[in-house]
Amino acid sequence: MTPCKAKEYLLLAKGYTATELAAMNVINYAVPADQLDRKVSEITEALLRRNPYTVAWTKRVTNRMVLNHVNLTLDAGMAYELAYFGHQKHTDGVNPTSFG
């Protein structure tokens, strides 16, 4: 998801259908439920024909990109969430500490 689409999603709580996510290249495929097993089998069979080391190493390399992004943002995101958690606007005026 591009940063602009991610902001729209997060800031406006915008929902997307699977078809929209596939069109944005956020997910690979959007298939009807009755075609899901067939699509999963198709992908699984194709992966099983590949060299297992090639598959494993490719996964590790691409997962490093994801982990780098997580490492760059997770601590700040968690800190901001924690700072906002008890805010009156977030809780619709209810003090979350009053439920203890």
N, C-alpha and C. Protein backbone atom coordinates (compact mmCIF):
# COMPACT_ATOMS: atom_id res chain seq x y z
N MET A 1 0.86 -1.16 0.00
CA MET A 1 0.00 0.00 0.00
C MET A 1 0.91 1.23 0.00
N THR A 2 0.61 2.16 -0.84
CA THR A 2 1.41 3.38 -0.88
C THR A 2 1.21 4.16 0.41
N PRO A 3 2.17 5.02 0.78
CA PRO A 3 1.99 5.83 1.99
C PRO A 3 0.70 6.66 1.96
N CYS A 4 0.35 7.20 0.81
CA CYS A 4 -0.89 8.00 0.72
C CYS A 4 -2.12 7.15 0.99
N LYS A 5 -2.18 5.96 0.41
CA LYS A 5 -3.32 5.07 0.65
C LYS A 5 -3.32 4.58 2.11
N ALA A 6 -2.14 4.33 2.66
CA ALA A 6 -2.06 3.88 4.05
C ALA A 6 -2.58 4.96 4.99
N LYS A 7 -2.23 6.20 4.72
CA LYS A 7 -2.74 7.30 5.55
C LYS A 7 -4.26 7.39 5.45
N GLU A 8 -4.79 7.28 4.25
CA GLU A 8 -6.24 7.33 4.07
C GLU A 8 -6.90 6.20 4.84
N TYR A 9 -6.34 5.02 4.73
CA TYR A 9 -6.87 3.84 5.42
C TYR A 9 -6.84 4.04 6.93
N LEU A 10 -5.69 4.47 7.45
CA LEU A 10 -5.52 4.60 8.89
C LEU A 10 -6.23 5.81 9.48
N LEU A 11 -6.13 6.96 8.81
CA LEU A 11 -6.69 8.18 9.38
C LEU A 11 -8.20 8.28 9.24
N LEU A 12 -8.74 7.68 8.20
CA LEU A 12 -10.19 7.76 7.98
C LEU A 12 -10.90 6.45 8.26
N ALA A 13 -10.16 5.43 8.67
CA ALA A 13 -10.70 4.09 8.87
C ALA A 13 -11.44 3.63 7.62
N LYS A 14 -10.84 3.91 6.48
CA LYS A 14 -11.44 3.54 5.20
C LYS A 14 -11.29 2.05 4.96
N GLY A 15 -12.37 1.44 4.62
CA GLY A 15 -12.32 0.02 4.30
C GLY A 15 -12.14 -0.21 2.81
N TYR A 16 -11.51 -1.28 2.46
CA TYR A 16 -11.31 -1.66 1.06
C TYR A 16 -11.81 -3.08 0.86
N THR A 17 -12.34 -3.35 -0.30
CA THR A 17 -12.71 -4.73 -0.64
C THR A 17 -11.46 -5.45 -1.11
N ALA A 18 -11.53 -6.76 -1.15
CA ALA A 18 -10.40 -7.54 -1.65
C ALA A 18 -10.10 -7.19 -3.10
N THR A 19 -11.13 -6.94 -3.89
CA THR A 19 -10.92 -6.56 -5.29
C THR A 19 -10.16 -5.24 -5.38
N GLU A 20 -10.52 -4.27 -4.53
CA GLU A 20 -9.80 -2.99 -4.53
C GLU A 20 -8.35 -3.18 -4.09
N LEU A 21 -8.13 -4.00 -3.07
CA LEU A 21 -6.76 -4.25 -2.61
C LEU A 21 -5.94 -4.94 -3.68
N ALA A 22 -6.54 -5.85 -4.42
CA ALA A 22 -5.81 -6.50 -5.52
C ALA A 22 -5.48 -5.50 -6.61
N ALA A 23 -6.40 -4.60 -6.92
CA ALA A 23 -6.15 -3.58 -7.94
C ALA A 23 -5.02 -2.63 -7.53
N MET A 24 -4.87 -2.42 -6.21
CA MET A 24 -3.80 -1.56 -5.69
C MET A 24 -2.49 -2.32 -5.48
N ASN A 25 -2.49 -3.61 -5.80
CA ASN A 25 -1.33 -4.48 -5.59
C ASN A 25 -0.94 -4.62 -4.13
N VAL A 26 -1.91 -4.51 -3.23
CA VAL A 26 -1.66 -4.74 -1.82
C VAL A 26 -1.71 -6.24 -1.53
N ILE A 27 -2.60 -6.93 -2.21
CA ILE A 27 -2.68 -8.39 -2.15
C ILE A 27 -2.53 -8.91 -3.57
N ASN A 28 -2.17 -10.16 -3.69
CA ASN A 28 -1.93 -10.73 -5.01
C ASN A 28 -3.20 -11.05 -5.78
N TYR A 29 -4.19 -11.59 -5.09
CA TYR A 29 -5.40 -12.05 -5.77
C TYR A 29 -6.63 -11.78 -4.93
N ALA A 30 -7.73 -11.61 -5.59
CA ALA A 30 -9.05 -11.58 -4.96
C ALA A 30 -9.91 -12.55 -5.75
N VAL A 31 -10.31 -13.64 -5.10
CA VAL A 31 -11.12 -14.64 -5.79
C VAL A 31 -12.37 -14.91 -4.98
N PRO A 32 -13.44 -15.30 -5.64
CA PRO A 32 -14.65 -15.69 -4.90
C PRO A 32 -14.37 -16.89 -4.00
N ALA A 33 -15.10 -17.01 -2.92
CA ALA A 33 -14.88 -18.07 -1.94
C ALA A 33 -14.89 -19.46 -2.56
N ASP A 34 -15.75 -19.67 -3.55
CA ASP A 34 -15.84 -21.00 -4.15
C ASP A 34 -14.63 -21.32 -5.03
N GLN A 35 -13.78 -20.35 -5.32
CA GLN A 35 -12.57 -20.57 -6.12
C GLN A 35 -11.30 -20.53 -5.29
N LEU A 36 -11.43 -20.27 -3.99
CA LEU A 36 -10.26 -20.09 -3.14
C LEU A 36 -9.39 -21.34 -3.06
N ASP A 37 -9.97 -22.49 -2.79
CA ASP A 37 -9.19 -23.72 -2.67
C ASP A 37 -8.43 -24.01 -3.96
N ARG A 38 -9.06 -23.78 -5.09
CA ARG A 38 -8.40 -24.03 -6.38
C ARG A 38 -7.20 -23.10 -6.56
N LYS A 39 -7.37 -21.82 -6.18
CA LYS A 39 -6.28 -20.85 -6.32
C LYS A 39 -5.13 -21.19 -5.38
N VAL A 40 -5.45 -21.56 -4.16
CA VAL A 40 -4.41 -21.94 -3.19
C VAL A 40 -3.66 -23.17 -3.69
N SER A 41 -4.37 -24.15 -4.21
CA SER A 41 -3.72 -25.36 -4.75
C SER A 41 -2.82 -25.03 -5.93
N GLU A 42 -3.29 -24.15 -6.80
CA GLU A 42 -2.50 -23.73 -7.96
C GLU A 42 -1.17 -23.11 -7.53
N ILE A 43 -1.22 -22.22 -6.55
CA ILE A 43 0.00 -21.56 -6.07
C ILE A 43 0.89 -22.55 -5.34
N THR A 44 0.30 -23.38 -4.50
CA THR A 44 1.07 -24.37 -3.75
C THR A 44 1.78 -25.34 -4.67
N GLU A 45 1.08 -25.82 -5.67
CA GLU A 45 1.70 -26.76 -6.63
C GLU A 45 2.85 -26.10 -7.39
N ALA A 46 2.68 -24.84 -7.75
CA ALA A 46 3.75 -24.13 -8.45
C ALA A 46 4.96 -23.97 -7.54
N LEU A 47 4.75 -23.65 -6.27
CA LEU A 47 5.86 -23.50 -5.34
C LEU A 47 6.58 -24.82 -5.10
N LEU A 48 5.81 -25.92 -5.03
CA LEU A 48 6.41 -27.23 -4.79
C LEU A 48 7.28 -27.70 -5.96
N ARG A 49 7.06 -27.14 -7.15
CA ARG A 49 7.90 -27.48 -8.31
C ARG A 49 9.22 -26.70 -8.30
N ARG A 50 9.32 -25.69 -7.44
CA ARG A 50 10.53 -24.87 -7.37
C ARG A 50 11.56 -25.52 -6.44
N ASN A 51 12.80 -25.12 -6.59
CA ASN A 51 13.85 -25.57 -5.70
C ASN A 51 13.56 -25.02 -4.30
N PRO A 52 13.51 -25.90 -3.28
CA PRO A 52 13.15 -25.42 -1.93
C PRO A 52 14.13 -24.40 -1.37
N TYR A 53 15.40 -24.52 -1.70
CA TYR A 53 16.37 -23.54 -1.22
C TYR A 53 16.13 -22.17 -1.86
N THR A 54 15.82 -22.17 -3.14
CA THR A 54 15.52 -20.92 -3.82
C THR A 54 14.31 -20.24 -3.20
N VAL A 55 13.28 -21.02 -2.92
CA VAL A 55 12.07 -20.47 -2.30
C VAL A 55 12.40 -19.91 -0.92
N ALA A 56 13.12 -20.67 -0.11
CA ALA A 56 13.45 -20.24 1.26
C ALA A 56 14.31 -18.98 1.25
N TRP A 57 15.32 -18.94 0.40
CA TRP A 57 16.22 -17.78 0.38
C TRP A 57 15.50 -16.54 -0.16
N THR A 58 14.65 -16.74 -1.15
CA THR A 58 13.89 -15.61 -1.68
C THR A 58 12.96 -15.05 -0.61
N LYS A 59 12.32 -15.93 0.14
CA LYS A 59 11.46 -15.47 1.23
C LYS A 59 12.26 -14.68 2.26
N ARG A 60 13.45 -15.18 2.60
CA ARG A 60 14.27 -14.47 3.60
C ARG A 60 14.68 -13.09 3.12
N VAL A 61 15.07 -12.99 1.86
CA VAL A 61 15.49 -11.70 1.32
C VAL A 61 14.33 -10.71 1.30
N THR A 62 13.18 -11.14 0.80
CA THR A 62 12.04 -10.22 0.73
C THR A 62 11.49 -9.89 2.11
N ASN A 63 11.53 -10.84 3.04
CA ASN A 63 11.07 -10.57 4.40
C ASN A 63 11.96 -9.56 5.11
N ARG A 64 13.23 -9.47 4.72
CA ARG A 64 14.12 -8.47 5.32
C ARG A 64 13.61 -7.06 5.05
N MET A 65 13.07 -6.83 3.86
CA MET A 65 12.53 -5.50 3.55
C MET A 65 11.38 -5.17 4.49
N VAL A 66 10.52 -6.13 4.71
CA VAL A 66 9.38 -5.93 5.60
C VAL A 66 9.88 -5.66 7.02
N LEU A 67 10.81 -6.46 7.49
CA LEU A 67 11.34 -6.28 8.84
C LEU A 67 12.02 -4.93 9.01
N ASN A 68 12.71 -4.46 7.98
CA ASN A 68 13.34 -3.15 8.06
C ASN A 68 12.31 -2.06 8.25
N HIS A 69 11.21 -2.13 7.52
CA HIS A 69 10.14 -1.14 7.68
C HIS A 69 9.52 -1.22 9.07
N VAL A 70 9.31 -2.42 9.56
CA VAL A 70 8.75 -2.59 10.90
C VAL A 70 9.71 -2.00 11.94
N ASN A 71 10.99 -2.31 11.80
CA ASN A 71 11.97 -1.80 12.75
C ASN A 71 12.07 -0.28 12.74
N LEU A 72 11.83 0.33 11.59
CA LEU A 72 11.89 1.78 11.49
C LEU A 72 10.70 2.48 12.12
N THR A 73 9.57 1.78 12.23
CA THR A 73 8.33 2.47 12.63
C THR A 73 7.63 1.90 13.85
N LEU A 74 7.88 0.68 14.21
CA LEU A 74 7.10 0.04 15.27
C LEU A 74 7.20 0.76 16.61
N ASP A 75 8.41 1.12 17.02
CA ASP A 75 8.55 1.74 18.34
C ASP A 75 7.82 3.08 18.41
N ALA A 76 7.92 3.88 17.36
CA ALA A 76 7.22 5.17 17.35
C ALA A 76 5.71 4.96 17.31
N GLY A 77 5.25 4.03 16.50
CA GLY A 77 3.83 3.75 16.42
C GLY A 77 3.26 3.30 17.75
N MET A 78 3.96 2.43 18.43
CA MET A 78 3.50 1.96 19.74
C MET A 78 3.50 3.09 20.77
N ALA A 79 4.53 3.93 20.72
CA ALA A 79 4.60 5.06 21.66
C ALA A 79 3.44 6.02 21.44
N TYR A 80 3.14 6.33 20.19
CA TYR A 80 2.03 7.23 19.88
C TYR A 80 0.70 6.62 20.31
N GLU A 81 0.51 5.35 20.08
CA GLU A 81 -0.72 4.68 20.50
C GLU A 81 -0.86 4.74 22.02
N LEU A 82 0.22 4.47 22.73
CA LEU A 82 0.18 4.49 24.19
C LEU A 82 -0.12 5.90 24.70
N ALA A 83 0.50 6.90 24.09
CA ALA A 83 0.27 8.28 24.52
C ALA A 83 -1.18 8.69 24.28
N TYR A 84 -1.80 8.17 23.26
CA TYR A 84 -3.16 8.55 22.90
C TYR A 84 -4.23 7.73 23.62
N PHE A 85 -3.84 6.58 24.14
CA PHE A 85 -4.81 5.61 24.64
C PHE A 85 -5.83 6.20 25.62
N GLY A 86 -5.41 6.97 26.59
CA GLY A 86 -6.35 7.47 27.59
C GLY A 86 -6.97 8.81 27.24
N HIS A 87 -6.72 9.30 26.06
CA HIS A 87 -7.23 10.61 25.66
C HIS A 87 -8.75 10.60 25.60
N GLN A 88 -9.38 11.67 26.08
CA GLN A 88 -10.84 11.74 26.16
C GLN A 88 -11.52 11.54 24.81
N LYS A 89 -10.96 12.10 23.74
CA LYS A 89 -11.61 11.94 22.43
C LYS A 89 -11.58 10.48 22.00
N HIS A 90 -10.52 9.78 22.35
CA HIS A 90 -10.38 8.38 21.98
C HIS A 90 -11.40 7.51 22.71
N THR A 91 -11.69 7.85 23.95
CA THR A 91 -12.57 7.01 24.76
C THR A 91 -13.99 7.53 24.83
N ASP A 92 -14.32 8.50 23.99
CA ASP A 92 -15.65 9.10 23.99
C ASP A 92 -16.05 9.61 25.38
N GLY A 93 -15.05 10.17 26.10
CA GLY A 93 -15.33 10.78 27.39
C GLY A 93 -15.31 9.81 28.55
N VAL A 94 -15.12 8.51 28.30
CA VAL A 94 -15.09 7.52 29.37
C VAL A 94 -13.65 7.37 29.83
N ASN A 95 -13.43 7.43 31.11
CA ASN A 95 -12.10 7.27 31.67
C ASN A 95 -11.80 5.77 31.75
N PRO A 96 -10.83 5.25 30.96
CA PRO A 96 -10.59 3.80 30.95
C PRO A 96 -10.07 3.29 32.28
N THR A 97 -9.53 4.15 33.15
CA THR A 97 -9.04 3.70 34.43
C THR A 97 -10.17 3.45 35.43
N SER A 98 -11.37 3.88 35.11
CA SER A 98 -12.49 3.70 36.04
C SER A 98 -13.07 2.29 36.01
N PHE A 99 -12.55 1.43 35.15
CA PHE A 99 -13.07 0.06 35.05
C PHE A 99 -12.24 -0.92 35.87
N GLY A 100 -11.23 -0.44 36.59
CA GLY A 100 -10.33 -1.30 37.34
C GLY A 100 -10.94 -1.79 38.56
